[in-house]
């Protein structure tokens, strides 16, 4: 039943996106490892990117956290069940959600996470929060930035029967490396470095809090040895 639900949702979304989006994703899958755990860090407008990524990255399975209150919607609960989305209670230390995410990575899933911590309706980047850094530190999984822009006007365009230009860019593979005790300051530094890797792939207009990339020292998020080069 779950496989059929996933197949049905995926094919329905593919048709829907052909009608409503003009996708621009020239380098998608260029550096993705074919298997193994992987953390995707991304910006999050909450308009359309989650179903786009969940569809385009197949046959690899992508999952992530979803706010617990969204599971009260019966349709979303069905979709989230098919995708394996983990409910998370925002604004508190949800240890159960973290443990579930670690199990997903142990199962060699792709786990998508937005360091901003919540939806950003304007698309202009805000300060990252340490949640994504904690997941990276606990799992040791490789990290790839996968960013998007244009989708912040998706709902507006949809109401006006206009297609949306949706751009996707992907960076190289990284891994968090910290020696010694991990403090709150280090976790925040890692979150900022993640956001810098996101920002550098986006047009300057969207960089917001990270418009001056030179002020952030890249100390802990390091390119993986032997990883493929980023696409230009």
C-alpha atoms as a PDB file:
ATOM      1  CA  UNK A   1       0.000   0.000   0.000  1.00  0.00           C
ATOM      2  CA  UNK A   2       2.812   2.410   0.861  1.00  0.00           C
ATOM      3  CA  UNK A   3       4.636   1.719  -2.410  1.00  0.00           C
ATOM      4  CA  UNK A   4       1.444   2.310  -4.391  1.00  0.00           C
ATOM      5  CA  UNK A   5       0.771   5.555  -2.504  1.00  0.00           C
ATOM      6  CA  UNK A   6       4.298   6.765  -3.239  1.00  0.00           C
ATOM      7  CA  UNK A   7       3.981   5.830  -6.920  1.00  0.00           C
ATOM      8  CA  UNK A   8       0.601   7.548  -7.221  1.00  0.00           C
ATOM      9  CA  UNK A   9       1.711  10.752  -5.442  1.00  0.00           C
ATOM     10  CA  UNK A  10       4.935  10.935  -7.462  1.00  0.00           C
ATOM     11  CA  UNK A  11       3.268  10.591 -10.844  1.00  0.00           C
ATOM     12  CA  UNK A  12       0.473  12.976  -9.925  1.00  0.00           C
ATOM     13  CA  UNK A  13       3.036  15.586  -8.875  1.00  0.00           C
ATOM     14  CA  UNK A  14       5.074  15.131 -12.050  1.00  0.00           C
ATOM     15  CA  UNK A  15       2.045  15.976 -14.168  1.00  0.00           C
ATOM     16  CA  UNK A  16       1.130  18.864 -11.875  1.00  0.00           C
ATOM     17  CA  UNK A  17       4.623  20.364 -12.025  1.00  0.00           C
ATOM     18  CA  UNK A  18       4.697  20.201 -15.817  1.00  0.00           C
ATOM     19  CA  UNK A  19       1.600  22.382 -15.805  1.00  0.00           C
ATOM     20  CA  UNK A  20       2.624  24.844 -13.101  1.00  0.00           C
ATOM     21  CA  UNK A  21       6.447  25.112 -13.170  1.00  0.00           C
ATOM     22  CA  UNK A  22       9.279  25.849 -15.545  1.00  0.00           C
ATOM     23  CA  UNK A  23      12.071  23.902 -13.885  1.00  0.00           C
ATOM     24  CA  UNK A  24      15.673  25.064 -14.190  1.00  0.00           C
ATOM     25  CA  UNK A  25      17.864  22.385 -12.596  1.00  0.00           C
ATOM     26  CA  UNK A  26      20.942  21.842 -14.791  1.00  0.00           C
ATOM     27  CA  UNK A  27      23.186  20.171 -12.218  1.00  0.00           C
ATOM     28  CA  UNK A  28      20.749  18.067 -10.233  1.00  0.00           C
ATOM     29  CA  UNK A  29      22.207  14.657  -9.287  1.00  0.00           C
ATOM     30  CA  UNK A  30      25.663  15.601 -10.615  1.00  0.00           C
ATOM     31  CA  UNK A  31      27.370  15.004  -7.263  1.00  0.00           C
ATOM     32  CA  UNK A  32      24.838  12.873  -5.427  1.00  0.00           C
ATOM     33  CA  UNK A  33      26.251   9.577  -4.164  1.00  0.00           C
ATOM     34  CA  UNK A  34      24.050   6.739  -5.455  1.00  0.00           C
ATOM     35  CA  UNK A  35      23.620   5.272  -1.977  1.00  0.00           C
ATOM     36  CA  UNK A  36      24.407   5.885   1.661  1.00  0.00           C
ATOM     37  CA  UNK A  37      23.191   8.447   4.188  1.00  0.00           C
ATOM     38  CA  UNK A  38      23.075  12.056   3.048  1.00  0.00           C
ATOM     39  CA  UNK A  39      21.909  15.313   4.604  1.00  0.00           C
ATOM     40  CA  UNK A  40      20.534  17.858   2.156  1.00  0.00           C
ATOM     41  CA  UNK A  41      20.612  21.419   3.521  1.00  0.00           C
ATOM     42  CA  UNK A  42      18.332  23.892   1.815  1.00  0.00           C
ATOM     43  CA  UNK A  43      16.451  27.144   2.114  1.00  0.00           C
ATOM     44  CA  UNK A  44      12.755  26.743   2.828  1.00  0.00           C
ATOM     45  CA  UNK A  45       9.920  28.900   1.508  1.00  0.00           C
ATOM     46  CA  UNK A  46       7.402  26.104   2.025  1.00  0.00           C
ATOM     47  CA  UNK A  47       5.607  26.848  -1.221  1.00  0.00           C
ATOM     48  CA  UNK A  48       6.676  24.042  -3.524  1.00  0.00           C
ATOM     49  CA  UNK A  49      10.243  22.866  -2.946  1.00  0.00           C
ATOM     50  CA  UNK A  50       9.468  19.898  -0.692  1.00  0.00           C
ATOM     51  CA  UNK A  51       7.290  18.012  -3.214  1.00  0.00           C
ATOM     52  CA  UNK A  52       9.637  19.028  -6.053  1.00  0.00           C
ATOM     53  CA  UNK A  53      12.679  17.559  -4.293  1.00  0.00           C
ATOM     54  CA  UNK A  54      10.768  14.477  -3.139  1.00  0.00           C
ATOM     55  CA  UNK A  55       9.809  13.855  -6.763  1.00  0.00           C
ATOM     56  CA  UNK A  56      12.988  14.774  -8.630  1.00  0.00           C
ATOM     57  CA  UNK A  57      15.443  12.938  -6.377  1.00  0.00           C
ATOM     58  CA  UNK A  58      13.851   9.533  -6.865  1.00  0.00           C
ATOM     59  CA  UNK A  59      14.727   6.696  -6.987  1.00  0.00           C
ATOM     60  CA  UNK A  60      16.634   7.870  -3.919  1.00  0.00           C
ATOM     61  CA  UNK A  61      14.203   8.367  -1.055  1.00  0.00           C
ATOM     62  CA  UNK A  62      14.169  11.749   0.639  1.00  0.00           C
ATOM     63  CA  UNK A  63      12.531  12.473   3.958  1.00  0.00           C
ATOM     64  CA  UNK A  64      12.743  15.150   6.635  1.00  0.00           C
ATOM     65  CA  UNK A  65      10.975  16.808   9.542  1.00  0.00           C
ATOM     66  CA  UNK A  66       7.488  18.258   9.266  1.00  0.00           C
ATOM     67  CA  UNK A  67       5.708  20.351  11.865  1.00  0.00           C
ATOM     68  CA  UNK A  68       3.527  18.132  14.031  1.00  0.00           C
ATOM     69  CA  UNK A  69       0.384  20.227  13.544  1.00  0.00           C
ATOM     70  CA  UNK A  70       0.487  19.595   9.772  1.00  0.00           C
ATOM     71  CA  UNK A  71      -0.225  15.913  10.470  1.00  0.00           C
ATOM     72  CA  UNK A  72      -3.714  16.900  11.622  1.00  0.00           C
ATOM     73  CA  UNK A  73      -4.619  17.401   7.940  1.00  0.00           C
ATOM     74  CA  UNK A  74      -5.727  13.990   6.613  1.00  0.00           C
ATOM     75  CA  UNK A  75      -4.375  14.543   3.090  1.00  0.00           C
ATOM     76  CA  UNK A  76      -0.990  15.773   4.334  1.00  0.00           C
ATOM     77  CA  UNK A  77      -0.839  12.913   6.820  1.00  0.00           C
ATOM     78  CA  UNK A  78      -1.245  10.444   3.924  1.00  0.00           C
ATOM     79  CA  UNK A  79       1.442  12.188   1.836  1.00  0.00           C
ATOM     80  CA  UNK A  80       3.826  12.454   4.791  1.00  0.00           C
ATOM     81  CA  UNK A  81       3.270   8.765   5.580  1.00  0.00           C
ATOM     82  CA  UNK A  82       4.196   7.837   2.003  1.00  0.00           C
ATOM     83  CA  UNK A  83       7.330   9.996   2.155  1.00  0.00           C
ATOM     84  CA  UNK A  84       8.320   8.950   5.679  1.00  0.00           C
ATOM     85  CA  UNK A  85       8.184  12.498   7.046  1.00  0.00           C
ATOM     86  CA  UNK A  86       8.922  12.743  10.778  1.00  0.00           C
ATOM     87  CA  UNK A  87       6.674  14.950  12.952  1.00  0.00           C
ATOM     88  CA  UNK A  88       8.582  17.502  15.003  1.00  0.00           C
ATOM     89  CA  UNK A  89       7.339  19.814  17.734  1.00  0.00           C
ATOM     90  CA  UNK A  90       8.868  23.183  16.988  1.00  0.00           C
ATOM     91  CA  UNK A  91      10.141  25.452  19.720  1.00  0.00           C
ATOM     92  CA  UNK A  92      11.267  22.596  21.944  1.00  0.00           C
ATOM     93  CA  UNK A  93      14.038  19.994  22.088  1.00  0.00           C
ATOM     94  CA  UNK A  94      12.277  17.111  20.309  1.00  0.00           C
ATOM     95  CA  UNK A  95      14.617  14.212  21.087  1.00  0.00           C
ATOM     96  CA  UNK A  96      12.234  11.666  19.565  1.00  0.00           C
ATOM     97  CA  UNK A  97      12.291  13.491  16.223  1.00  0.00           C
ATOM     98  CA  UNK A  98      16.101  13.664  16.323  1.00  0.00           C
ATOM     99  CA  UNK A  99      16.416   9.926  17.043  1.00  0.00           C
ATOM    100  CA  UNK A 100      13.985   9.162  14.193  1.00  0.00           C
ATOM    101  CA  UNK A 101      16.064  11.296  11.829  1.00  0.00           C
ATOM    102  CA  UNK A 102      19.224   9.442  12.829  1.00  0.00           C
ATOM    103  CA  UNK A 103      17.497   6.126  12.131  1.00  0.00           C
ATOM    104  CA  UNK A 104      16.507   7.376   8.667  1.00  0.00           C
ATOM    105  CA  UNK A 105      20.133   8.225   7.938  1.00  0.00           C
ATOM    106  CA  UNK A 106      21.266   4.836   9.243  1.00  0.00           C
ATOM    107  CA  UNK A 107      18.786   3.392   6.739  1.00  0.00           C
ATOM    108  CA  UNK A 108      20.713   5.302   4.013  1.00  0.00           C
ATOM    109  CA  UNK A 109      17.962   7.791   3.317  1.00  0.00           C
ATOM    110  CA  UNK A 110      18.441  11.358   2.135  1.00  0.00           C
ATOM    111  CA  UNK A 111      17.353  13.655   4.953  1.00  0.00           C
ATOM    112  CA  UNK A 112      16.372  17.184   3.987  1.00  0.00           C
ATOM    113  CA  UNK A 113      16.692  19.934   6.564  1.00  0.00           C
ATOM    114  CA  UNK A 114      16.446  23.731   6.481  1.00  0.00           C
ATOM    115  CA  UNK A 115      18.973  25.402   8.809  1.00  0.00           C
ATOM    116  CA  UNK A 116      16.665  28.450   8.992  1.00  0.00           C
ATOM    117  CA  UNK A 117      14.358  26.229  11.043  1.00  0.00           C
ATOM    118  CA  UNK A 118      11.061  27.331   9.533  1.00  0.00           C
ATOM    119  CA  UNK A 119       9.484  28.629   6.351  1.00  0.00           C
ATOM    120  CA  UNK A 120      10.806  31.885   4.921  1.00  0.00           C
ATOM    121  CA  UNK A 121       8.031  33.286   2.778  1.00  0.00           C
ATOM    122  CA  UNK A 122      10.133  36.017   1.112  1.00  0.00           C
ATOM    123  CA  UNK A 123      12.945  33.705   0.006  1.00  0.00           C
ATOM    124  CA  UNK A 124      15.552  36.108   1.436  1.00  0.00           C
ATOM    125  CA  UNK A 125      17.792  34.188   3.839  1.00  0.00           C
ATOM    126  CA  UNK A 126      17.532  34.569   7.588  1.00  0.00           C
ATOM    127  CA  UNK A 127      19.962  33.517  10.321  1.00  0.00           C
ATOM    128  CA  UNK A 128      20.405  29.770  10.578  1.00  0.00           C
ATOM    129  CA  UNK A 129      19.530  27.827  13.746  1.00  0.00           C
ATOM    130  CA  UNK A 130      21.642  25.007  15.241  1.00  0.00           C
ATOM    131  CA  UNK A 131      19.180  22.126  14.658  1.00  0.00           C
ATOM    132  CA  UNK A 132      20.729  21.062  11.353  1.00  0.00           C
ATOM    133  CA  UNK A 133      24.191  21.266  12.925  1.00  0.00           C
ATOM    134  CA  UNK A 134      23.139  18.907  15.724  1.00  0.00           C
ATOM    135  CA  UNK A 135      21.876  16.359  13.183  1.00  0.00           C
ATOM    136  CA  UNK A 136      25.140  16.568  11.215  1.00  0.00           C
ATOM    137  CA  UNK A 137      27.264  16.205  14.354  1.00  0.00           C
ATOM    138  CA  UNK A 138      25.277  13.253  15.706  1.00  0.00           C
ATOM    139  CA  UNK A 139      25.122  11.352  12.399  1.00  0.00           C
ATOM    140  CA  UNK A 140      28.467  12.154  10.776  1.00  0.00           C
ATOM    141  CA  UNK A 141      26.634  11.958   7.435  1.00  0.00           C
ATOM    142  CA  UNK A 142      27.906  13.834   4.376  1.00  0.00           C
ATOM    143  CA  UNK A 143      26.124  17.090   3.566  1.00  0.00           C
ATOM    144  CA  UNK A 144      25.165  18.669   0.253  1.00  0.00           C
ATOM    145  CA  UNK A 145      23.577  22.119  -0.206  1.00  0.00           C
ATOM    146  CA  UNK A 146      20.584  22.044  -2.562  1.00  0.00           C
ATOM    147  CA  UNK A 147      19.058  25.492  -3.031  1.00  0.00           C
ATOM    148  CA  UNK A 148      16.145  26.980  -4.894  1.00  0.00           C
ATOM    149  CA  UNK A 149      14.601  30.323  -5.720  1.00  0.00           C
ATOM    150  CA  UNK A 150      11.581  31.585  -7.602  1.00  0.00           C
ATOM    151  CA  UNK A 151       9.116  29.424  -5.684  1.00  0.00           C
ATOM    152  CA  UNK A 152       8.328  32.199  -3.215  1.00  0.00           C
ATOM    153  CA  UNK A 153       5.783  33.529  -5.756  1.00  0.00           C
ATOM    154  CA  UNK A 154       4.360  30.114  -6.621  1.00  0.00           C
ATOM    155  CA  UNK A 155       0.996  30.496  -4.887  1.00  0.00           C
ATOM    156  CA  UNK A 156       0.540  34.001  -6.273  1.00  0.00           C
ATOM    157  CA  UNK A 157       1.277  32.767  -9.794  1.00  0.00           C
ATOM    158  CA  UNK A 158      -0.987  29.764  -9.328  1.00  0.00           C
ATOM    159  CA  UNK A 159      -3.922  32.015  -8.462  1.00  0.00           C
ATOM    160  CA  UNK A 160      -3.192  34.027 -11.606  1.00  0.00           C
ATOM    161  CA  UNK A 161      -2.906  30.869 -13.761  1.00  0.00           C
ATOM    162  CA  UNK A 162       0.785  31.599 -14.432  1.00  0.00           C
ATOM    163  CA  UNK A 163       3.637  29.118 -14.467  1.00  0.00           C
ATOM    164  CA  UNK A 164       6.503  29.749 -12.058  1.00  0.00           C
ATOM    165  CA  UNK A 165      10.187  29.773 -12.986  1.00  0.00           C
ATOM    166  CA  UNK A 166      11.735  27.517 -10.362  1.00  0.00           C
ATOM    167  CA  UNK A 167      15.533  27.388 -10.156  1.00  0.00           C
ATOM    168  CA  UNK A 168      17.551  24.682  -8.386  1.00  0.00           C
ATOM    169  CA  UNK A 169      21.306  24.598  -7.816  1.00  0.00           C
ATOM    170  CA  UNK A 170      23.449  22.070  -5.988  1.00  0.00           C
ATOM    171  CA  UNK A 171      26.826  22.361  -4.296  1.00  0.00           C
ATOM    172  CA  UNK A 172      29.521  19.827  -3.488  1.00  0.00           C
ATOM    173  CA  UNK A 173      29.768  17.304  -0.669  1.00  0.00           C
ATOM    174  CA  UNK A 174      30.819  18.469   2.790  1.00  0.00           C
ATOM    175  CA  UNK A 175      31.303  16.980   6.237  1.00  0.00           C
ATOM    176  CA  UNK A 176      31.358  18.559   9.677  1.00  0.00           C
ATOM    177  CA  UNK A 177      34.703  18.164  11.431  1.00  0.00           C
ATOM    178  CA  UNK A 178      35.093  19.340  15.031  1.00  0.00           C
ATOM    179  CA  UNK A 179      37.884  18.511  17.440  1.00  0.00           C
ATOM    180  CA  UNK A 180      37.218  18.656  21.155  1.00  0.00           C
ATOM    181  CA  UNK A 181      34.117  19.760  23.009  1.00  0.00           C
ATOM    182  CA  UNK A 182      31.185  21.063  20.981  1.00  0.00           C
ATOM    183  CA  UNK A 183      29.745  24.230  22.500  1.00  0.00           C
ATOM    184  CA  UNK A 184      26.591  26.167  21.663  1.00  0.00           C
ATOM    185  CA  UNK A 185      28.799  28.716  19.904  1.00  0.00           C
ATOM    186  CA  UNK A 186      30.317  26.006  17.710  1.00  0.00           C
ATOM    187  CA  UNK A 187      26.889  24.639  16.811  1.00  0.00           C
ATOM    188  CA  UNK A 188      25.809  28.123  15.759  1.00  0.00           C
ATOM    189  CA  UNK A 189      29.020  28.569  13.769  1.00  0.00           C
ATOM    190  CA  UNK A 190      28.287  25.310  11.914  1.00  0.00           C
ATOM    191  CA  UNK A 191      24.742  26.499  11.184  1.00  0.00           C
ATOM    192  CA  UNK A 192      26.147  29.763   9.795  1.00  0.00           C
ATOM    193  CA  UNK A 193      28.612  27.859   7.625  1.00  0.00           C
ATOM    194  CA  UNK A 194      25.759  25.747   6.271  1.00  0.00           C
ATOM    195  CA  UNK A 195      23.845  28.909   5.437  1.00  0.00           C
ATOM    196  CA  UNK A 196      26.920  30.355   3.716  1.00  0.00           C
ATOM    197  CA  UNK A 197      27.121  27.276   1.482  1.00  0.00           C
ATOM    198  CA  UNK A 198      23.449  27.788   0.664  1.00  0.00           C
ATOM    199  CA  UNK A 199      23.875  31.524   0.067  1.00  0.00           C
ATOM    200  CA  UNK A 200      26.842  31.214  -2.285  1.00  0.00           C
ATOM    201  CA  UNK A 201      24.744  29.147  -4.700  1.00  0.00           C
ATOM    202  CA  UNK A 202      21.968  31.754  -4.852  1.00  0.00           C
ATOM    203  CA  UNK A 203      21.695  35.129  -6.606  1.00  0.00           C
ATOM    204  CA  UNK A 204      22.838  38.010  -4.375  1.00  0.00           C
ATOM    205  CA  UNK A 205      19.288  39.315  -3.996  1.00  0.00           C
ATOM    206  CA  UNK A 206      18.330  36.272  -1.898  1.00  0.00           C
ATOM    207  CA  UNK A 207      21.371  36.110   0.387  1.00  0.00           C
ATOM    208  CA  UNK A 208      19.939  38.380   3.081  1.00  0.00           C
ATOM    209  CA  UNK A 209      21.661  37.710   6.412  1.00  0.00           C
ATOM    210  CA  UNK A 210      24.527  36.092   4.490  1.00  0.00           C
ATOM    211  CA  UNK A 211      25.041  38.772   1.849  1.00  0.00           C
ATOM    212  CA  UNK A 212      28.602  39.321   3.145  1.00  0.00           C
ATOM    213  CA  UNK A 213      30.051  35.823   2.892  1.00  0.00           C
ATOM    214  CA  UNK A 214      33.580  37.002   3.689  1.00  0.00           C
ATOM    215  CA  UNK A 215      32.719  37.753   7.319  1.00  0.00           C
ATOM    216  CA  UNK A 216      32.136  34.059   8.054  1.00  0.00           C
ATOM    217  CA  UNK A 217      35.142  31.821   8.637  1.00  0.00           C
ATOM    218  CA  UNK A 218      34.650  28.310   7.242  1.00  0.00           C
ATOM    219  CA  UNK A 219      36.120  26.332  10.139  1.00  0.00           C
ATOM    220  CA  UNK A 220      33.990  23.221  10.554  1.00  0.00           C
ATOM    221  CA  UNK A 221      32.126  22.441   7.311  1.00  0.00           C
ATOM    222  CA  UNK A 222      34.848  20.983   5.119  1.00  0.00           C
ATOM    223  CA  UNK A 223      34.780  19.617   1.536  1.00  0.00           C
ATOM    224  CA  UNK A 224      34.919  15.844   1.615  1.00  0.00           C
ATOM    225  CA  UNK A 225      38.141  14.284   0.407  1.00  0.00           C
ATOM    226  CA  UNK A 226      37.692  12.635  -2.955  1.00  0.00           C
ATOM    227  CA  UNK A 227      34.244  14.171  -3.457  1.00  0.00           C
ATOM    228  CA  UNK A 228      33.266  15.191  -6.983  1.00  0.00           C
ATOM    229  CA  UNK A 229      33.741  18.832  -7.854  1.00  0.00           C
ATOM    230  CA  UNK A 230      30.770  21.164  -7.694  1.00  0.00           C
ATOM    231  CA  UNK A 231      29.005  21.931 -10.929  1.00  0.00           C
ATOM    232  CA  UNK A 232      29.638  25.431 -12.246  1.00  0.00           C
END
